[in-house]
PDB file of all heavy atoms in Angstrom:
ATOM      1  N   CYS A   1     -42.599  63.330 -94.691  1.00  0.00           N
ATOM      2  CA  CYS A   1     -43.121  61.950 -94.641  1.00  0.00           C
ATOM      3  C   CYS A   1     -41.928  61.013 -94.435  1.00  0.00           C
ATOM      4  O   CYS A   1     -42.074  60.050 -93.628  1.00  0.00           O
ATOM      5  CB  CYS A   1     -43.892  61.619 -95.863  1.00  0.00           C
ATOM      6  SG  CYS A   1     -45.455  62.557 -95.935  1.00  0.00           S
ATOM      7  N   HIS A   2     -40.871  61.177 -95.213  1.00  0.00           N
ATOM      8  CA  HIS A   2     -39.707  60.263 -95.082  1.00  0.00           C
ATOM      9  C   HIS A   2     -39.005  60.519 -93.751  1.00  0.00           C
ATOM     10  O   HIS A   2     -38.568  59.543 -93.080  1.00  0.00           O
ATOM     11  CB  HIS A   2     -38.775  60.505 -96.243  1.00  0.00           C
ATOM     12  CG  HIS A   2     -39.123  59.808 -97.518  1.00  0.00           C
ATOM     13  ND1 HIS A   2     -40.169  60.199 -98.285  1.00  0.00           N
ATOM     14  CD2 HIS A   2     -38.584  58.736 -98.082  1.00  0.00           C
ATOM     15  CE1 HIS A   2     -40.285  59.494 -99.291  1.00  0.00           C
ATOM     16  NE2 HIS A   2     -39.325  58.521 -99.226  1.00  0.00           N
ATOM     17  N   GLU A   3     -38.917  61.761 -93.299  1.00  0.00           N
ATOM     18  CA  GLU A   3     -38.246  61.994 -92.032  1.00  0.00           C
ATOM     19  C   GLU A   3     -38.977  61.322 -90.861  1.00  0.00           C
ATOM     20  O   GLU A   3     -38.352  60.795 -89.893  1.00  0.00           O
ATOM     21  CB  GLU A   3     -38.177  63.515 -91.723  1.00  0.00           C
ATOM     22  CG  GLU A   3     -37.567  63.833 -90.370  1.00  0.00           C
ATOM     23  CD  GLU A   3     -36.963  65.187 -90.387  1.00  0.00           C
ATOM     24  OE1 GLU A   3     -36.112  65.506 -91.248  1.00  0.00           O
ATOM     25  OE2 GLU A   3     -37.218  65.925 -89.444  1.00  0.00           O
ATOM     26  N   LEU A   4     -40.315  61.193 -90.975  1.00  0.00           N
ATOM     27  CA  LEU A   4     -41.089  60.480 -89.910  1.00  0.00           C
ATOM     28  C   LEU A   4     -41.273  59.024 -90.193  1.00  0.00           C
ATOM     29  O   LEU A   4     -41.935  58.369 -89.458  1.00  0.00           O
ATOM     30  CB  LEU A   4     -42.513  61.213 -89.806  1.00  0.00           C
ATOM     31  CG  LEU A   4     -42.453  62.673 -89.464  1.00  0.00           C
ATOM     32  CD1 LEU A   4     -43.927  63.201 -89.547  1.00  0.00           C
ATOM     33  CD2 LEU A   4     -41.961  62.862 -88.057  1.00  0.00           C
ATOM     34  N   GLY A   5     -40.706  58.489 -91.285  1.00  0.00           N
ATOM     35  CA  GLY A   5     -40.837  57.060 -91.615  1.00  0.00           C
ATOM     36  C   GLY A   5     -42.228  56.762 -92.052  1.00  0.00           C
ATOM     37  O   GLY A   5     -42.617  55.543 -91.940  1.00  0.00           O
ATOM     38  N   LEU A   6     -42.991  57.634 -92.693  1.00  0.00           N
ATOM     39  CA  LEU A   6     -44.368  57.378 -93.021  1.00  0.00           C
ATOM     40  C   LEU A   6     -44.596  57.281 -94.606  1.00  0.00           C
ATOM     41  O   LEU A   6     -45.658  57.268 -95.035  1.00  0.00           O
ATOM     42  CB  LEU A   6     -45.264  58.452 -92.499  1.00  0.00           C
ATOM     43  CG  LEU A   6     -45.332  58.667 -90.947  1.00  0.00           C
ATOM     44  CD1 LEU A   6     -46.056  59.953 -90.590  1.00  0.00           C
ATOM     45  CD2 LEU A   6     -45.991  57.423 -90.329  1.00  0.00           C
ATOM     46  N   GLN A   7     -43.469  57.270 -95.305  1.00  0.00           N
ATOM     47  CA  GLN A   7     -43.617  57.256 -96.781  1.00  0.00           C
ATOM     48  C   GLN A   7     -44.458  56.155 -97.331  1.00  0.00           C
ATOM     49  O   GLN A   7     -45.209  56.356 -98.338  1.00  0.00           O
ATOM     50  CB  GLN A   7     -42.207  57.261 -97.409  1.00  0.00           C
ATOM     51  CG  GLN A   7     -41.333  56.068 -97.215  1.00  0.00           C
ATOM     52  CD  GLN A   7     -40.544  56.124 -95.998  1.00  0.00           C
ATOM     53  OE1 GLN A   7     -40.774  56.924 -95.094  1.00  0.00           O
ATOM     54  NE2 GLN A   7     -39.462  55.331 -95.923  1.00  0.00           N
ATOM     55  N   ASN A   8     -44.446  55.012 -96.717  1.00  0.00           N
ATOM     56  CA  ASN A   8     -45.279  53.876 -97.217  1.00  0.00           C
ATOM     57  C   ASN A   8     -46.734  53.963 -96.846  1.00  0.00           C
ATOM     58  O   ASN A   8     -47.505  53.216 -97.361  1.00  0.00           O
ATOM     59  CB  ASN A   8     -44.680  52.568 -96.696  1.00  0.00           C
ATOM     60  CG  ASN A   8     -43.337  52.263 -97.218  1.00  0.00           C
ATOM     61  OD1 ASN A   8     -42.971  52.670 -98.337  1.00  0.00           O
ATOM     62  ND2 ASN A   8     -42.498  51.618 -96.450  1.00  0.00           N
ATOM     63  N   ASP A   9     -47.087  54.938 -95.945  1.00  0.00           N
ATOM     64  CA  ASP A   9     -48.472  55.136 -95.639  1.00  0.00           C
ATOM     65  C   ASP A   9     -49.140  56.248 -96.522  1.00  0.00           C
ATOM     66  O   ASP A   9     -50.354  56.464 -96.411  1.00  0.00           O
ATOM     67  CB  ASP A   9     -48.581  55.637 -94.121  1.00  0.00           C
ATOM     68  CG  ASP A   9     -48.121  54.528 -93.209  1.00  0.00           C
ATOM     69  OD1 ASP A   9     -48.799  53.549 -93.046  1.00  0.00           O
ATOM     70  OD2 ASP A   9     -47.075  54.751 -92.523  1.00  0.00           O
ATOM     71  N   VAL A  10     -48.378  56.888 -97.388  1.00  0.00           N
ATOM     72  CA  VAL A  10     -48.894  57.882 -98.167  1.00  0.00           C
ATOM     73  C   VAL A  10     -49.128  57.358 -99.596  1.00  0.00           C
ATOM     74  O   VAL A  10     -48.243  56.792-100.256  1.00  0.00           O
ATOM     75  CB  VAL A  10     -47.902  59.117 -98.273  1.00  0.00           C
ATOM     76  CG1 VAL A  10     -48.431  60.102 -99.258  1.00  0.00           C
ATOM     77  CG2 VAL A  10     -47.633  59.716 -96.907  1.00  0.00           C
ATOM     78  N   ASP A  11     -50.367  57.423-100.066  1.00  0.00           N
ATOM     79  CA  ASP A  11     -50.792  56.923-101.436  1.00  0.00           C
ATOM     80  C   ASP A  11     -50.316  57.844-102.595  1.00  0.00           C
ATOM     81  O   ASP A  11     -49.917  57.386-103.600  1.00  0.00           O
ATOM     82  CB  ASP A  11     -52.266  56.643-101.437  1.00  0.00           C
ATOM     83  CG  ASP A  11     -52.694  55.698-100.348  1.00  0.00           C
ATOM     84  OD1 ASP A  11     -52.444  54.526-100.501  1.00  0.00           O
ATOM     85  OD2 ASP A  11     -53.314  56.150 -99.422  1.00  0.00           O
ATOM     86  N   ILE A  12     -50.444  59.161-102.292  1.00  0.00           N
ATOM     87  CA  ILE A  12     -50.115  60.135-103.340  1.00  0.00           C
ATOM     88  C   ILE A  12     -49.123  61.134-102.704  1.00  0.00           C
ATOM     89  O   ILE A  12     -49.569  61.928-101.795  1.00  0.00           O
ATOM     90  CB  ILE A  12     -51.373  60.808-103.885  1.00  0.00           C
ATOM     91  CG1 ILE A  12     -52.412  59.744-104.365  1.00  0.00           C
ATOM     92  CG2 ILE A  12     -50.997  61.679-105.008  1.00  0.00           C
ATOM     93  CD1 ILE A  12     -53.571  59.483-103.398  1.00  0.00           C
ATOM     94  N   HIS A  13     -47.932  61.128-103.174  1.00  0.00           N
ATOM     95  CA  HIS A  13     -46.888  62.035-102.587  1.00  0.00           C
ATOM     96  C   HIS A  13     -46.660  63.134-103.634  1.00  0.00           C
ATOM     97  O   HIS A  13     -46.188  62.878-104.728  1.00  0.00           O
ATOM     98  CB  HIS A  13     -45.692  61.196-102.306  1.00  0.00           C
ATOM     99  CG  HIS A  13     -44.620  61.952-101.535  1.00  0.00           C
ATOM    100  ND1 HIS A  13     -44.327  61.592-100.297  1.00  0.00           N
ATOM    101  CD2 HIS A  13     -43.868  63.003-101.849  1.00  0.00           C
ATOM    102  CE1 HIS A  13     -43.396  62.414 -99.815  1.00  0.00           C
ATOM    103  NE2 HIS A  13     -43.036  63.284-100.785  1.00  0.00           N
ATOM    104  N   MET A  14     -47.002  64.381-103.315  1.00  0.00           N
ATOM    105  CA  MET A  14     -46.823  65.394-104.190  1.00  0.00           C
ATOM    106  C   MET A  14     -45.740  66.443-103.671  1.00  0.00           C
ATOM    107  O   MET A  14     -45.577  66.649-102.482  1.00  0.00           O
ATOM    108  CB  MET A  14     -48.138  66.235-104.333  1.00  0.00           C
ATOM    109  CG  MET A  14     -48.026  67.433-105.281  1.00  0.00           C
ATOM    110  SD  MET A  14     -47.697  68.949-104.321  1.00  0.00           S
ATOM    111  CE  MET A  14     -47.769  70.181-105.607  1.00  0.00           C
ATOM    112  N   GLY A  15     -44.915  67.065-104.604  1.00  0.00           N
ATOM    113  CA  GLY A  15     -43.902  68.039-104.249  1.00  0.00           C
ATOM    114  C   GLY A  15     -43.711  68.960-105.396  1.00  0.00           C
ATOM    115  O   GLY A  15     -44.152  68.702-106.530  1.00  0.00           O
ATOM    116  N   THR A  16     -42.985  70.035-105.091  1.00  0.00           N
ATOM    117  CA  THR A  16     -42.703  71.016-106.152  1.00  0.00           C
ATOM    118  C   THR A  16     -41.201  71.220-106.335  1.00  0.00           C
ATOM    119  O   THR A  16     -40.424  70.962-105.451  1.00  0.00           O
ATOM    120  CB  THR A  16     -43.379  72.396-105.889  1.00  0.00           C
ATOM    121  OG1 THR A  16     -42.825  72.923-104.642  1.00  0.00           O
ATOM    122  CG2 THR A  16     -44.909  72.300-105.773  1.00  0.00           C
ATOM    123  N   PHE A  17     -40.850  71.719-107.522  1.00  0.00           N
ATOM    124  CA  PHE A  17     -39.446  72.140-107.769  1.00  0.00           C
ATOM    125  C   PHE A  17     -39.224  73.597-107.749  1.00  0.00           C
ATOM    126  O   PHE A  17     -38.169  74.053-108.113  1.00  0.00           O
ATOM    127  CB  PHE A  17     -39.073  71.590-109.178  1.00  0.00           C
ATOM    128  CG  PHE A  17     -39.188  70.094-109.332  1.00  0.00           C
ATOM    129  CD1 PHE A  17     -40.082  69.518-110.273  1.00  0.00           C
ATOM    130  CD2 PHE A  17     -38.501  69.226-108.485  1.00  0.00           C
ATOM    131  CE1 PHE A  17     -40.187  68.117-110.399  1.00  0.00           C
ATOM    132  CE2 PHE A  17     -38.606  67.799-108.662  1.00  0.00           C
ATOM    133  CZ  PHE A  17     -39.503  67.347-109.572  1.00  0.00           C
ATOM    134  N   SER A  18     -40.221  74.356-107.400  1.00  0.00           N
ATOM    135  CA  SER A  18     -40.172  75.845-107.411  1.00  0.00           C
ATOM    136  C   SER A  18     -39.813  76.505-106.132  1.00  0.00           C
ATOM    137  O   SER A  18     -39.615  77.680-106.080  1.00  0.00           O
ATOM    138  CB  SER A  18     -41.534  76.352-107.895  1.00  0.00           C
ATOM    139  OG  SER A  18     -42.539  75.902-107.029  1.00  0.00           O
ATOM    140  N   LYS A  19     -39.546  75.641-105.084  1.00  0.00           N
ATOM    141  CA  LYS A  19     -39.236  76.256-103.816  1.00  0.00           C
ATOM    142  C   LYS A  19     -37.793  75.792-103.442  1.00  0.00           C
ATOM    143  O   LYS A  19     -36.770  76.464-103.836  1.00  0.00           O
ATOM    144  CB  LYS A  19     -40.276  75.797-102.800  1.00  0.00           C
ATOM    145  CG  LYS A  19     -41.613  76.375-103.188  1.00  0.00           C
ATOM    146  CD  LYS A  19     -42.695  75.874-102.393  1.00  0.00           C
ATOM    147  CE  LYS A  19     -44.040  76.532-102.790  1.00  0.00           C
ATOM    148  NZ  LYS A  19     -44.499  76.101-104.176  1.00  0.00           N
ATOM    149  N   SER A  20     -37.646  74.739-102.638  1.00  0.00           N
ATOM    150  CA  SER A  20     -36.264  74.279-102.249  1.00  0.00           C
ATOM    151  C   SER A  20     -35.382  73.979-103.432  1.00  0.00           C
ATOM    152  O   SER A  20     -34.112  74.155-103.341  1.00  0.00           O
ATOM    153  CB  SER A  20     -36.360  73.081-101.356  1.00  0.00           C
ATOM    154  OG  SER A  20     -37.031  73.401-100.136  1.00  0.00           O
ATOM    155  N   PHE A  21     -35.941  73.589-104.522  1.00  0.00           N
ATOM    156  CA  PHE A  21     -35.163  73.173-105.737  1.00  0.00           C
ATOM    157  C   PHE A  21     -34.733  74.404-106.500  1.00  0.00           C
ATOM    158  O   PHE A  21     -33.828  74.236-107.406  1.00  0.00           O
ATOM    159  CB  PHE A  21     -35.904  72.158-106.530  1.00  0.00           C
ATOM    160  CG  PHE A  21     -36.037  70.839-105.945  1.00  0.00           C
ATOM    161  CD1 PHE A  21     -37.011  70.569-104.979  1.00  0.00           C
ATOM    162  CD2 PHE A  21     -35.220  69.798-106.314  1.00  0.00           C
ATOM    163  CE1 PHE A  21     -37.207  69.359-104.386  1.00  0.00           C
ATOM    164  CE2 PHE A  21     -35.380  68.558-105.723  1.00  0.00           C
ATOM    165  CZ  PHE A  21     -36.310  68.361-104.716  1.00  0.00           C
ATOM    166  N   GLY A  22     -35.405  75.448-106.347  1.00  0.00           N
ATOM    167  CA  GLY A  22     -34.953  76.749-107.009  1.00  0.00           C
ATOM    168  C   GLY A  22     -35.266  76.750-108.493  1.00  0.00           C
ATOM    169  O   GLY A  22     -34.702  77.592-109.246  1.00  0.00           O
ATOM    170  N   VAL A  23     -36.147  75.900-108.975  1.00  0.00           N
ATOM    171  CA  VAL A  23     -36.351  75.824-110.479  1.00  0.00           C
ATOM    172  C   VAL A  23     -37.890  76.055-110.667  1.00  0.00           C
ATOM    173  O   VAL A  23     -38.422  77.140-110.299  1.00  0.00           O
ATOM    174  CB  VAL A  23     -35.843  74.570-111.113  1.00  0.00           C
ATOM    175  CG1 VAL A  23     -35.820  74.638-112.593  1.00  0.00           C
ATOM    176  CG2 VAL A  23     -34.456  74.182-110.586  1.00  0.00           C
ATOM    177  N   TYR A  24     -38.530  75.044-111.266  1.00  0.00           N
ATOM    178  CA  TYR A  24     -39.992  75.210-111.584  1.00  0.00           C
ATOM    179  C   TYR A  24     -40.539  73.807-111.875  1.00  0.00           C
ATOM    180  O   TYR A  24     -39.758  72.974-112.417  1.00  0.00           O
ATOM    181  CB  TYR A  24     -40.223  76.073-112.832  1.00  0.00           C
ATOM    182  CG  TYR A  24     -41.675  76.453-113.113  1.00  0.00           C
ATOM    183  CD1 TYR A  24     -42.374  77.217-112.203  1.00  0.00           C
ATOM    184  CD2 TYR A  24     -42.284  75.925-114.163  1.00  0.00           C
ATOM    185  CE1 TYR A  24     -43.694  77.578-112.372  1.00  0.00           C
ATOM    186  CE2 TYR A  24     -43.635  76.221-114.426  1.00  0.00           C
ATOM    187  CZ  TYR A  24     -44.307  77.075-113.525  1.00  0.00           C
ATOM    188  OH  TYR A  24     -45.608  77.399-113.804  1.00  0.00           O
ATOM    189  N   GLY A  25     -41.793  73.578-111.606  1.00  0.00           N
ATOM    190  CA  GLY A  25     -42.410  72.259-111.816  1.00  0.00           C
ATOM    191  C   GLY A  25     -42.848  71.552-110.599  1.00  0.00           C
ATOM    192  O   GLY A  25     -42.788  72.132-109.533  1.00  0.00           O
ATOM    193  N   ALA A  26     -43.473  70.334-110.752  1.00  0.00           N
ATOM    194  CA  ALA A  26     -43.919  69.583-109.625  1.00  0.00           C
ATOM    195  C   ALA A  26     -43.843  68.054-109.996  1.00  0.00           C
ATOM    196  O   ALA A  26     -43.693  67.697-111.164  1.00  0.00           O
ATOM    197  CB  ALA A  26     -45.384  69.955-109.318  1.00  0.00           C
ATOM    198  N   TYR A  27     -44.021  67.295-108.935  1.00  0.00           N
ATOM    199  CA  TYR A  27     -43.995  65.850-109.144  1.00  0.00           C
ATOM    200  C   TYR A  27     -45.035  65.141-108.275  1.00  0.00           C
ATOM    201  O   TYR A  27     -45.538  65.642-107.286  1.00  0.00           O
ATOM    202  CB  TYR A  27     -42.602  65.213-108.846  1.00  0.00           C
ATOM    203  CG  TYR A  27     -42.230  65.440-107.320  1.00  0.00           C
ATOM    204  CD1 TYR A  27     -42.569  64.495-106.367  1.00  0.00           C
ATOM    205  CD2 TYR A  27     -41.437  66.607-106.957  1.00  0.00           C
ATOM    206  CE1 TYR A  27     -42.203  64.658-104.984  1.00  0.00           C
ATOM    207  CE2 TYR A  27     -41.094  66.713-105.640  1.00  0.00           C
ATOM    208  CZ  TYR A  27     -41.469  65.800-104.686  1.00  0.00           C
ATOM    209  OH  TYR A  27     -41.202  65.997-103.345  1.00  0.00           O
ATOM    210  N   ILE A  28     -45.432  63.986-108.832  1.00  0.00           N
ATOM    211  CA  ILE A  28     -46.305  63.026-108.007  1.00  0.00           C
ATOM    212  C   ILE A  28     -45.560  61.748-108.004  1.00  0.00           C
ATOM    213  O   ILE A  28     -45.051  61.216-109.002  1.00  0.00           O
ATOM    214  CB  ILE A  28     -47.666  62.857-108.711  1.00  0.00           C
ATOM    215  CG1 ILE A  28     -48.473  64.133-108.748  1.00  0.00           C
ATOM    216  CG2 ILE A  28     -48.400  61.747-108.030  1.00  0.00           C
ATOM    217  CD1 ILE A  28     -48.900  64.681-107.403  1.00  0.00           C
ATOM    218  N   CYS A  29     -45.402  61.146-106.766  1.00  0.00           N
ATOM    219  CA  CYS A  29     -44.797  59.831-106.640  1.00  0.00           C
ATOM    220  C   CYS A  29     -45.831  58.896-105.968  1.00  0.00           C
ATOM    221  O   CYS A  29     -46.667  59.264-105.124  1.00  0.00           O
ATOM    222  CB  CYS A  29     -43.591  59.923-105.751  1.00  0.00           C
ATOM    223  SG  CYS A  29     -42.186  60.752-106.562  1.00  0.00           S
ATOM    224  N   GLY A  30     -45.736  57.605-106.404  1.00  0.00           N
ATOM    225  CA  GLY A  30     -46.639  56.644-105.788  1.00  0.00           C
ATOM    226  C   GLY A  30     -46.520  55.283-106.554  1.00  0.00           C
ATOM    227  O   GLY A  30     -45.418  54.888-106.984  1.00  0.00           O
ATOM    228  N   SER A  31     -47.597  54.597-106.599  1.00  0.00           N
ATOM    229  CA  SER A  31     -47.563  53.231-107.245  1.00  0.00           C
ATOM    230  C   SER A  31     -47.522  53.359-108.741  1.00  0.00           C
ATOM    231  O   SER A  31     -47.958  54.408-109.324  1.00  0.00           O
ATOM    232  CB  SER A  31     -48.809  52.449-106.810  1.00  0.00           C
ATOM    233  OG  SER A  31     -49.935  52.963-107.336  1.00  0.00           O
ATOM    234  N   ARG A  32     -47.170  52.301-109.431  1.00  0.00           N
ATOM    235  CA  ARG A  32     -47.208  52.283-110.902  1.00  0.00           C
ATOM    236  C   ARG A  32     -48.662  52.422-111.354  1.00  0.00           C
ATOM    237  O   ARG A  32     -48.909  53.169-112.372  1.00  0.00           O
ATOM    238  CB  ARG A  32     -46.624  50.914-111.424  1.00  0.00           C
ATOM    239  CG  ARG A  32     -45.148  50.807-111.237  1.00  0.00           C
ATOM    240  CD  ARG A  32     -44.639  49.564-111.897  1.00  0.00           C
ATOM    241  NE  ARG A  32     -43.248  49.320-111.560  1.00  0.00           N
ATOM    242  CZ  ARG A  32     -42.851  48.630-110.524  1.00  0.00           C
ATOM    243  NH1 ARG A  32     -43.743  48.040-109.739  1.00  0.00           N
ATOM    244  NH2 ARG A  32     -41.534  48.475-110.265  1.00  0.00           N
ATOM    245  N   THR A  33     -49.607  51.884-110.699  1.00  0.00           N
ATOM    246  CA  THR A  33     -51.010  51.944-111.040  1.00  0.00           C
ATOM    247  C   THR A  33     -51.438  53.394-110.972  1.00  0.00           C
ATOM    248  O   THR A  33     -52.208  53.842-111.867  1.00  0.00           O
ATOM    249  CB  THR A  33     -51.848  51.019-110.127  1.00  0.00           C
ATOM    250  OG1 THR A  33     -51.429  49.663-110.250  1.00  0.00           O
ATOM    251  CG2 THR A  33     -53.336  51.130-110.488  1.00  0.00           C
ATOM    252  N   LEU A  34     -51.096  54.097-109.849  1.00  0.00           N
ATOM    253  CA  LEU A  34     -51.506  55.460-109.716  1.00  0.00           C
ATOM    254  C   LEU A  34     -50.969  56.310-110.899  1.00  0.00           C
ATOM    255  O   LEU A  34     -51.662  57.060-111.517  1.00  0.00           O
ATOM    256  CB  LEU A  34     -50.901  56.075-108.438  1.00  0.00           C
ATOM    257  CG  LEU A  34     -51.003  57.594-108.253  1.00  0.00           C
ATOM    258  CD1 LEU A  34     -52.458  58.001-108.087  1.00  0.00           C
ATOM    259  CD2 LEU A  34     -50.132  58.083-107.133  1.00  0.00           C
ATOM    260  N   ILE A  35     -49.666  56.173-111.262  1.00  0.00           N
ATOM    261  CA  ILE A  35     -49.108  56.957-112.314  1.00  0.00           C
ATOM    262  C   ILE A  35     -49.719  56.569-113.693  1.00  0.00           C
ATOM    263  O   ILE A  35     -50.001  57.523-114.459  1.00  0.00           O
ATOM    264  CB  ILE A  35     -47.598  56.721-112.356  1.00  0.00           C
ATOM    265  CG1 ILE A  35     -46.967  57.191-110.997  1.00  0.00           C
ATOM    266  CG2 ILE A  35     -46.961  57.543-113.487  1.00  0.00           C
ATOM    267  CD1 ILE A  35     -47.321  58.576-110.544  1.00  0.00           C
ATOM    268  N   ARG A  36     -50.023  55.321-113.967  1.00  0.00           N
ATOM    269  CA  ARG A  36     -50.699  54.989-115.140  1.00  0.00           C
ATOM    270  C   ARG A  36     -52.088  55.679-115.188  1.00  0.00           C
ATOM    271  O   ARG A  36     -52.499  56.159-116.274  1.00  0.00           O
ATOM    272  CB  ARG A  36     -50.939  53.469-115.242  1.00  0.00           C
ATOM    273  CG  ARG A  36     -49.644  52.626-115.577  1.00  0.00           C
ATOM    274  CD  ARG A  36     -49.991  51.188-115.465  1.00  0.00           C
ATOM    275  NE  ARG A  36     -51.090  50.783-116.490  1.00  0.00           N
ATOM    276  CZ  ARG A  36     -51.753  49.712-116.316  1.00  0.00           C
ATOM    277  NH1 ARG A  36     -51.590  48.835-115.294  1.00  0.00           N
ATOM    278  NH2 ARG A  36     -52.734  49.424-117.176  1.00  0.00           N
ATOM    279  N   TRP A  37     -52.779  55.666-114.067  1.00  0.00           N
ATOM    280  CA  TRP A  37     -54.096  56.237-114.030  1.00  0.00           C
ATOM    281  C   TRP A  37     -54.029  57.831-114.382  1.00  0.00           C
ATOM    282  O   TRP A  37     -54.767  58.400-115.116  1.00  0.00           O
ATOM    283  CB  TRP A  37     -54.673  56.094-112.693  1.00  0.00           C
ATOM    284  CG  TRP A  37     -56.093  56.658-112.488  1.00  0.00           C
ATOM    285  CD1 TRP A  37     -56.399  57.854-111.854  1.00  0.00           C
ATOM    286  CD2 TRP A  37     -57.368  56.058-112.954  1.00  0.00           C
ATOM    287  NE1 TRP A  37     -57.734  58.069-111.880  1.00  0.00           N
ATOM    288  CE2 TRP A  37     -58.348  56.996-112.556  1.00  0.00           C
ATOM    289  CE3 TRP A  37     -57.622  54.909-113.591  1.00  0.00           C
ATOM    290  CZ2 TRP A  37     -59.671  56.762-112.843  1.00  0.00           C
ATOM    291  CZ3 TRP A  37     -59.021  54.697-113.935  1.00  0.00           C
ATOM    292  CH2 TRP A  37     -59.997  55.536-113.489  1.00  0.00           C
ATOM    293  N   LEU A  38     -53.040  58.467-113.729  1.00  0.00           N
ATOM    294  CA  LEU A  38     -52.926  59.921-113.944  1.00  0.00           C
ATOM    295  C   LEU A  38     -52.483  60.307-115.336  1.00  0.00           C
ATOM    296  O   LEU A  38     -52.992  61.251-115.905  1.00  0.00           O
ATOM    297  CB  LEU A  38     -51.814  60.469-112.965  1.00  0.00           C
ATOM    298  CG  LEU A  38     -52.196  60.350-111.440  1.00  0.00           C
ATOM    299  CD1 LEU A  38     -51.107  60.945-110.613  1.00  0.00           C
ATOM    300  CD2 LEU A  38     -53.515  61.124-111.185  1.00  0.00           C
ATOM    301  N   VAL A  39     -51.690  59.422-115.950  1.00  0.00           N
ATOM    302  CA  VAL A  39     -51.299  59.638-117.380  1.00  0.00           C
ATOM    303  C   VAL A  39     -52.529  59.601-118.224  1.00  0.00           C
ATOM    304  O   VAL A  39     -52.619  60.364-119.324  1.00  0.00           O
ATOM    305  CB  VAL A  39     -50.343  58.587-117.843  1.00  0.00           C
ATOM    306  CG1 VAL A  39     -50.129  58.579-119.363  1.00  0.00           C
ATOM    307  CG2 VAL A  39     -48.929  58.830-117.234  1.00  0.00           C
ATOM    308  N   ASN A  40     -53.528  58.863-117.862  1.00  0.00           N
ATOM    309  CA  ASN A  40     -54.785  58.775-118.705  1.00  0.00           C
ATOM    310  C   ASN A  40     -55.905  59.699-118.211  1.00  0.00           C
ATOM    311  O   ASN A  40     -56.803  59.927-118.940  1.00  0.00           O
ATOM    312  CB  ASN A  40     -55.252  57.372-118.627  1.00  0.00           C
ATOM    313  CG  ASN A  40     -54.450  56.414-119.436  1.00  0.00           C
ATOM    314  OD1 ASN A  40     -54.606  56.350-120.696  1.00  0.00           O
ATOM    315  ND2 ASN A  40     -53.475  55.724-118.911  1.00  0.00           N
ATOM    316  N   LYS A  41     -55.857  60.251-116.983  1.00  0.00           N
ATOM    317  CA  LYS A  41     -56.957  60.913-116.386  1.00  0.00           C
ATOM    318  C   LYS A  41     -56.696  62.372-115.908  1.00  0.00           C
ATOM    319  O   LYS A  41     -57.624  63.080-115.732  1.00  0.00           O
ATOM    320  CB  LYS A  41     -57.514  60.108-115.232  1.00  0.00           C
ATOM    321  CG  LYS A  41     -58.157  58.760-115.586  1.00  0.00           C
ATOM    322  CD  LYS A  41     -59.481  58.905-116.468  1.00  0.00           C
ATOM    323  CE  LYS A  41     -60.091  57.559-116.691  1.00  0.00           C
ATOM    324  NZ  LYS A  41     -61.378  57.759-117.420  1.00  0.00           N
ATOM    325  N   ALA A  42     -55.438  62.702-115.709  1.00  0.00           N
ATOM    326  CA  ALA A  42     -55.131  64.019-115.140  1.00  0.00           C
ATOM    327  C   ALA A  42     -55.153  65.080-116.255  1.00  0.00           C
ATOM    328  O   ALA A  42     -54.246  65.238-117.081  1.00  0.00           O
ATOM    329  CB  ALA A  42     -53.812  64.079-114.436  1.00  0.00           C
ATOM    330  N   ARG A  43     -56.238  65.849-116.344  1.00  0.00           N
ATOM    331  CA  ARG A  43     -56.440  66.772-117.488  1.00  0.00           C
ATOM    332  C   ARG A  43     -55.347  67.855-117.596  1.00  0.00           C
ATOM    333  O   ARG A  43     -54.916  68.201-118.732  1.00  0.00           O
ATOM    334  CB  ARG A  43     -57.803  67.444-117.401  1.00  0.00           C
ATOM    335  CG  ARG A  43     -58.913  66.376-117.633  1.00  0.00           C
ATOM    336  CD  ARG A  43     -60.295  66.944-117.223  1.00  0.00           C
ATOM    337  NE  ARG A  43     -60.749  67.991-118.140  1.00  0.00           N
ATOM    338  CZ  ARG A  43     -61.322  67.868-119.274  1.00  0.00           C
ATOM    339  NH1 ARG A  43     -61.632  66.621-119.666  1.00  0.00           N
ATOM    340  NH2 ARG A  43     -61.728  68.790-120.073  1.00  0.00           N
ATOM    341  N   PRO A  44     -54.884  68.439-116.526  1.00  0.00           N
ATOM    342  CA  PRO A  44     -53.795  69.462-116.558  1.00  0.00           C
ATOM    343  C   PRO A  44     -52.541  68.882-117.257  1.00  0.00           C
ATOM    344  O   PRO A  44     -51.773  69.618-117.877  1.00  0.00           O
ATOM    345  CB  PRO A  44     -53.626  69.859-115.207  1.00  0.00           C
ATOM    346  CG  PRO A  44     -54.856  69.665-114.513  1.00  0.00           C
ATOM    347  CD  PRO A  44     -55.385  68.384-115.130  1.00  0.00           C
ATOM    348  N   LEU A  45     -52.275  67.587-117.077  1.00  0.00           N
ATOM    349  CA  LEU A  45     -51.130  66.941-117.715  1.00  0.00           C
ATOM    350  C   LEU A  45     -51.389  66.663-119.154  1.00  0.00           C
ATOM    351  O   LEU A  45     -50.600  66.947-120.009  1.00  0.00           O
ATOM    352  CB  LEU A  45     -50.797  65.619-117.000  1.00  0.00           C
ATOM    353  CG  LEU A  45     -49.687  64.823-117.656  1.00  0.00           C
ATOM    354  CD1 LEU A  45     -48.339  65.349-117.184  1.00  0.00           C
ATOM    355  CD2 LEU A  45     -49.793  63.292-117.296  1.00  0.00           C
TER     356      LEU A  45
END
């Protein structure tokens, strides 16, 4: 998304740390409102 200059068009940006990063885990990036919502609503978290 960043390589194509589209990062601002993506509302929910997800990635993992278990592949290119060689470790384990995952991340979600986005707006503060999105993250606040997920902290309260994402059951696996």
